[in-house]
Protein backbone atom coordinates (compact mmCIF):
# COMPACT_ATOMS: atom_id res chain seq x y z
CA UNK A 1 -40.14 25.96 38.57
CA UNK A 2 -40.19 24.35 35.11
CA UNK A 3 -38.43 21.08 34.49
CA UNK A 4 -35.03 21.50 32.80
CA UNK A 5 -34.61 20.04 29.33
CA UNK A 6 -31.06 18.76 29.80
CA UNK A 7 -28.86 17.93 32.79
CA UNK A 8 -25.13 17.55 33.34
CA UNK A 9 -23.34 15.65 36.08
CA UNK A 10 -19.88 14.50 37.11
CA UNK A 11 -18.92 11.04 38.39
CA UNK A 12 -15.89 10.58 40.65
CA UNK A 13 -14.17 7.35 41.62
CA UNK A 14 -13.95 6.58 45.35
CA UNK A 15 -10.18 6.24 45.20
CA UNK A 16 -9.07 9.71 46.31
CA UNK A 17 -8.36 10.75 49.91
CA UNK A 18 -11.54 12.00 51.53
CA UNK A 19 -10.43 15.63 51.75
CA UNK A 20 -9.60 15.56 48.03
CA UNK A 21 -13.00 14.08 47.23
CA UNK A 22 -14.72 16.79 49.27
CA UNK A 23 -12.77 19.48 47.42
CA UNK A 24 -13.68 17.96 44.05
CA UNK A 25 -17.38 17.76 44.91
CA UNK A 26 -17.43 21.35 46.16
CA UNK A 27 -15.74 22.49 42.95
CA UNK A 28 -18.26 20.62 40.79
CA UNK A 29 -21.10 22.25 42.75
CA UNK A 30 -19.59 25.72 42.45
CA UNK A 31 -19.19 25.28 38.69
CA UNK A 32 -22.92 24.77 38.32
CA UNK A 33 -23.24 21.11 37.34
CA UNK A 34 -26.61 19.56 38.16
CA UNK A 35 -25.38 16.42 39.92
CA UNK A 36 -22.31 14.65 41.28
CA UNK A 37 -21.93 10.90 41.80
CA UNK A 38 -19.61 8.28 43.25
CA UNK A 39 -19.33 4.57 42.37
CA UNK A 40 -20.15 1.28 44.09
CA UNK A 41 -17.30 -1.23 44.25
CA UNK A 42 -15.20 -3.07 46.80
CA UNK A 43 -12.15 -2.59 44.59
CA UNK A 44 -11.77 -0.31 41.60
CA UNK A 45 -12.06 -2.47 38.44
CA UNK A 46 -9.33 -0.54 36.63
CA UNK A 47 -7.00 -0.56 39.66
CA UNK A 48 -7.99 -3.41 42.01
CA UNK A 49 -4.86 -2.99 44.15
CA UNK A 50 -5.59 0.67 44.92
CA UNK A 51 -7.68 2.24 47.70
CA UNK A 52 -11.46 2.47 47.42
CA UNK A 53 -14.10 3.77 49.84
CA UNK A 54 -17.57 2.25 50.37
CA UNK A 55 -20.14 4.14 48.33
CA UNK A 56 -23.00 4.95 50.70
CA UNK A 57 -20.87 5.81 53.72
CA UNK A 58 -18.87 8.12 51.48
CA UNK A 59 -22.00 9.61 49.94
CA UNK A 60 -23.41 10.53 53.35
CA UNK A 61 -20.15 12.20 54.31
CA UNK A 62 -19.85 14.11 51.05
CA UNK A 63 -23.46 15.27 51.37
CA UNK A 64 -22.37 17.37 54.33
CA UNK A 65 -19.73 19.10 52.19
CA UNK A 66 -22.23 20.23 49.53
CA UNK A 67 -25.36 22.35 49.72
CA UNK A 68 -27.39 22.46 46.50
CA UNK A 69 -26.18 19.89 43.98
CA UNK A 70 -28.02 16.59 43.47
CA UNK A 71 -26.01 13.59 44.69
CA UNK A 72 -26.03 9.85 44.14
CA UNK A 73 -24.26 6.53 43.60
CA UNK A 74 -23.80 5.58 39.94
CA UNK A 75 -25.02 2.95 40.55
CA UNK A 76 -25.63 0.83 43.65
CA UNK A 77 -25.13 -2.87 42.93
CA UNK A 78 -28.09 -4.99 43.98
CA UNK A 79 -25.78 -7.93 44.65
CA UNK A 80 -24.00 -6.05 47.46
CA UNK A 81 -26.94 -5.25 49.78
CA UNK A 82 -30.40 -6.39 50.72
CA UNK A 83 -32.87 -3.96 49.07
CA UNK A 84 -34.36 -3.00 52.43
CA UNK A 85 -30.90 -1.93 53.62
CA UNK A 86 -30.43 0.07 50.42
CA UNK A 87 -33.78 1.77 51.00
CA UNK A 88 -32.83 2.65 54.58
CA UNK A 89 -29.47 4.04 53.42
CA UNK A 90 -31.34 6.10 50.85
CA UNK A 91 -33.72 7.51 53.46
CA UNK A 92 -30.76 8.42 55.67
CA UNK A 93 -28.83 10.18 52.90
CA UNK A 94 -31.98 11.96 51.73
CA UNK A 95 -32.24 13.48 55.21
CA UNK A 96 -28.52 14.21 55.53
CA UNK A 97 -28.62 16.02 52.17
CA UNK A 98 -31.92 17.84 52.83
CA UNK A 99 -33.64 16.04 49.97
CA UNK A 100 -30.96 16.02 47.27
CA UNK A 101 -30.59 12.27 46.70
CA UNK A 102 -30.92 10.59 43.30
CA UNK A 103 -31.09 6.83 43.93
CA UNK A 104 -28.97 5.07 41.32
CA UNK A 105 -29.58 1.32 41.26
CA UNK A 106 -28.37 -1.51 39.03
CA UNK A 107 -28.34 -5.29 38.97
CA UNK A 108 -24.56 -5.72 39.39
CA UNK A 109 -21.98 -6.45 36.74
CA UNK A 110 -18.31 -6.89 37.72
CA UNK A 111 -18.08 -10.63 38.30
CA UNK A 112 -14.37 -10.84 39.37
CA UNK A 113 -15.14 -8.59 42.33
CA UNK A 114 -17.88 -10.94 43.47
CA UNK A 115 -15.56 -13.94 43.21
CA UNK A 116 -12.88 -12.16 45.24
CA UNK A 117 -15.24 -11.47 48.14
CA UNK A 118 -17.30 -14.65 47.98
CA UNK A 119 -20.47 -12.87 46.84
CA UNK A 120 -22.87 -14.87 44.71
CA UNK A 121 -23.11 -13.59 41.14
CA UNK A 122 -26.32 -14.96 39.59
CA UNK A 123 -26.62 -15.93 35.97
CA UNK A 124 -28.20 -13.33 33.64
CA UNK A 125 -31.79 -14.52 34.14
CA UNK A 126 -31.61 -14.64 37.92
CA UNK A 127 -29.68 -11.37 38.02
CA UNK A 128 -32.58 -9.69 36.25
CA UNK A 129 -35.28 -11.41 38.31
CA UNK A 130 -33.54 -10.56 41.56
CA UNK A 131 -33.12 -6.96 40.45
CA UNK A 132 -36.78 -6.66 39.53
CA UNK A 133 -37.84 -7.88 42.97
CA UNK A 134 -35.39 -5.50 44.63
CA UNK A 135 -36.67 -2.51 42.66
CA UNK A 136 -40.24 -3.33 43.71
CA UNK A 137 -39.18 -3.50 47.37
CA UNK A 138 -37.15 -0.28 47.29
CA UNK A 139 -39.96 1.58 45.53
CA UNK A 140 -42.55 0.41 48.07
CA UNK A 141 -40.45 1.08 51.19
CA UNK A 142 -39.41 4.54 50.01
CA UNK A 143 -43.03 5.50 49.44
CA UNK A 144 -43.61 4.87 53.15
CA UNK A 145 -45.71 1.79 52.56
CA UNK A 146 -45.84 -1.16 54.91
CA UNK A 147 -44.45 -3.83 52.64
CA UNK A 148 -45.14 -7.53 52.59
CA UNK A 149 -43.36 -9.30 49.77
CA UNK A 150 -42.99 -12.98 48.94
CA UNK A 151 -40.65 -13.37 46.00
CA UNK A 152 -38.18 -15.90 44.77
CA UNK A 153 -35.22 -14.02 46.21
CA UNK A 154 -36.62 -11.74 48.93
CA UNK A 155 -39.30 -11.95 51.60
CA UNK A 156 -40.62 -9.10 53.75
CA UNK A 157 -43.36 -9.32 56.36
CA UNK A 158 -45.04 -6.01 57.22
CA UNK A 159 -41.75 -4.15 56.83
CA UNK A 160 -41.57 -0.36 56.98
CA UNK A 161 -39.03 2.43 57.36
CA UNK A 162 -39.25 5.50 59.57
CA UNK A 163 -38.80 8.36 59.01
CA UNK A 164 -40.06 8.68 55.47
CA UNK A 165 -37.72 10.31 52.93
CA UNK A 166 -37.63 14.09 52.62
CA UNK A 167 -38.58 13.87 48.93
CA UNK A 168 -42.14 12.92 48.03
CA UNK A 169 -43.40 10.48 47.00
CA UNK A 170 -39.80 9.17 47.24
CA UNK A 171 -36.31 10.05 45.98
CA UNK A 172 -36.05 9.68 42.20
CA UNK A 173 -34.99 6.23 40.99
CA UNK A 174 -32.24 6.16 38.37
CA UNK A 175 -32.23 2.57 37.13
CA UNK A 176 -29.33 1.20 35.11
CA UNK A 177 -30.18 -1.15 32.26
CA UNK A 178 -28.73 -2.22 28.92
CA UNK A 179 -30.83 -5.17 27.70
CA UNK A 180 -34.53 -5.35 26.74
CA UNK A 181 -35.89 -7.17 29.81
CA UNK A 182 -34.00 -4.90 32.20
CA UNK A 183 -35.29 -1.90 30.25
CA UNK A 184 -38.80 -3.21 30.93
CA UNK A 185 -38.13 -2.74 34.65
CA UNK A 186 -37.06 0.83 33.91
CA UNK A 187 -40.25 1.48 31.97
CA UNK A 188 -42.27 0.37 35.00
CA UNK A 189 -40.39 2.08 37.84
CA UNK A 190 -37.66 4.49 36.72
CA UNK A 191 -37.65 8.26 36.95
CA UNK A 192 -34.37 8.13 35.03
CA UNK A 193 -32.71 5.41 32.96
CA UNK A 194 -28.91 5.24 32.82
CA UNK A 195 -26.66 3.32 30.46
CA UNK A 196 -23.35 3.58 28.63
CA UNK A 197 -22.29 2.49 25.17
CA UNK A 198 -21.91 3.64 21.60
CA UNK A 199 -24.25 6.14 20.02
CA UNK A 200 -26.00 3.33 18.11
CA UNK A 201 -26.33 1.18 21.24
CA UNK A 202 -27.88 4.06 23.16
CA UNK A 203 -30.26 4.81 20.28
CA UNK A 204 -31.51 1.21 20.17
CA UNK A 205 -31.91 1.01 23.95
CA UNK A 206 -33.73 4.32 23.99
CA UNK A 207 -36.14 3.07 21.33
CA UNK A 208 -36.69 -0.16 23.28
CA UNK A 209 -37.51 1.84 26.41
CA UNK A 210 -40.04 3.86 24.42
CA UNK A 211 -41.65 0.62 23.20
CA UNK A 212 -41.94 -0.71 26.74
CA UNK A 213 -43.50 2.57 27.87
CA UNK A 214 -46.04 2.32 25.04
CA UNK A 215 -46.92 -1.23 26.08
CA UNK A 216 -47.47 -0.08 29.66
CA UNK A 217 -49.35 3.07 28.75
CA UNK A 218 -46.68 5.25 30.34
CA UNK A 219 -45.63 8.63 28.96
CA UNK A 220 -42.00 8.05 27.86
CA UNK A 221 -41.10 11.69 28.49
CA UNK A 222 -41.49 11.03 32.23
CA UNK A 223 -38.17 9.14 32.17
CA UNK A 224 -34.84 10.95 31.90
CA UNK A 225 -32.49 9.33 29.38
CA UNK A 226 -29.10 9.37 31.09
CA UNK A 227 -25.72 8.56 29.53
CA UNK A 228 -22.67 7.68 31.60
CA UNK A 229 -19.61 8.95 29.75
CA UNK A 230 -16.61 6.80 30.57
CA UNK A 231 -13.81 8.79 28.93
CA UNK A 232 -11.46 5.88 28.19
CA UNK A 233 -14.28 3.81 26.71
CA UNK A 234 -15.52 6.68 24.57
CA UNK A 235 -12.13 7.16 22.95
CA UNK A 236 -11.99 3.41 22.24
CA UNK A 237 -15.32 3.85 20.41
CA UNK A 238 -14.01 6.60 18.16
CA UNK A 239 -15.42 9.51 20.16
CA UNK A 240 -13.21 12.31 21.45
CA UNK A 241 -12.22 12.64 25.08
CA UNK A 242 -14.91 15.12 26.19
CA UNK A 243 -12.41 16.92 28.40
CA UNK A 244 -9.82 17.45 25.65
CA UNK A 245 -11.56 20.68 24.59
CA UNK A 246 -14.88 22.52 24.70
CA UNK A 247 -15.58 21.49 21.13
CA UNK A 248 -14.95 17.83 22.02
CA UNK A 249 -17.42 18.08 24.91
CA UNK A 250 -20.01 19.61 22.60
CA UNK A 251 -19.43 16.92 19.98
CA UNK A 252 -20.05 14.12 22.49
CA UNK A 253 -23.19 15.78 23.83
CA UNK A 254 -24.46 16.54 20.33
CA UNK A 255 -24.05 12.99 19.06
CA UNK A 256 -25.87 11.43 22.02
CA UNK A 257 -28.44 14.20 22.19
CA UNK A 258 -29.38 13.35 18.60
CA UNK A 259 -30.46 9.84 19.70
CA UNK A 260 -32.61 11.02 22.59
CA UNK A 261 -30.25 11.42 25.54
CA UNK A 262 -31.00 14.37 27.81
CA UNK A 263 -28.70 13.75 30.78
CA UNK A 264 -24.93 13.46 30.59
CA UNK A 265 -22.91 12.18 33.55
CA UNK A 266 -19.23 12.30 32.63
CA UNK A 267 -16.22 11.00 34.55
CA UNK A 268 -14.25 13.65 36.41
CA UNK A 269 -11.44 14.86 34.16
CA UNK A 270 -7.79 14.43 35.01
CA UNK A 271 -6.38 17.33 37.07
CA UNK A 272 -4.57 18.76 34.06
CA UNK A 273 -7.97 18.96 32.30
CA UNK A 274 -9.74 20.88 35.07
CA UNK A 275 -9.29 24.10 33.10
CA UNK A 276 -11.37 22.64 30.27
CA UNK A 277 -14.05 21.53 32.76
CA UNK A 278 -14.22 25.07 34.14
CA UNK A 279 -14.48 26.53 30.63
CA UNK A 280 -17.20 24.02 29.72
CA UNK A 281 -19.16 24.95 32.84
CA UNK A 282 -18.78 28.68 32.19
CA UNK A 283 -19.29 28.86 28.42
CA UNK A 284 -20.77 25.62 27.08
CA UNK A 285 -23.34 24.39 29.61
CA UNK A 286 -25.40 27.62 29.64
CA UNK A 287 -25.57 27.58 25.85
CA UNK A 288 -26.53 23.90 25.68
CA UNK A 289 -29.21 24.40 28.33
CA UNK A 290 -30.65 27.37 26.46
CA UNK A 291 -30.64 25.49 23.14
CA UNK A 292 -32.31 22.45 24.70
CA UNK A 293 -34.96 24.63 26.30
CA UNK A 294 -35.77 26.31 22.99
CA UNK A 295 -35.82 22.99 21.12
CA UNK A 296 -38.09 21.30 23.67
CA UNK A 297 -40.33 24.34 24.04
CA UNK A 298 -40.00 24.47 27.82
């Protein structure tokens, strides 16, 4: 099977009752999206007083309510878990889902949440260094390697995980990064890079990732360029709400596609916009996939 040229996913907050979440994920799968994701927080940043489920427990449960769609956490915060625990959770969910896991992983960002729960939030330099070590550990453990690691933040002595993941050589790593040194980590280890921001910000980050790949001798086309579309933030940046109409969805995709993005993970629309989501899935996604395939010659 040839590699697709463009992918589309939906991200849902962990704030809904579980049965509602399961219904939403099944609907997204039935509509033909490529992936569906939840989020990793203790409390929802936009509604800290509201309910919120833990990401990986929820992901494992939701995996049993879907059959074909790729699933993941957008993205796991490195500050919340030891990387070996994250790797073991990933192995477990890869088996529960019969090999459908995409491992989203980021350094951590929402500082007030850390303060609330007494979790250390490192300064920018240590946040990056800690993340880099964690990515190395996760990559090694998921490849089935016996891992000894002596870093500044983590130490492992002949550590290993059994069973190995379903996917070989390991589940794909989607690494979140916005700044140049974090993008360097993506260039070394990522199967997909994820970020959010304006069209110009994504263009510059994409170019920086290409430069890092060139320095490392890595083919930049090996890395998916993934945009997280946060609807409220996009409208603040002068973009349309992608779920306001099919043409608005196409405009958002077109503007980011023009700067090198080939994966679009968009927040679940409000219930009153589900009709637009269904129309997008039926009429727009097949056309965009066909156009991307012709353009990329795949």
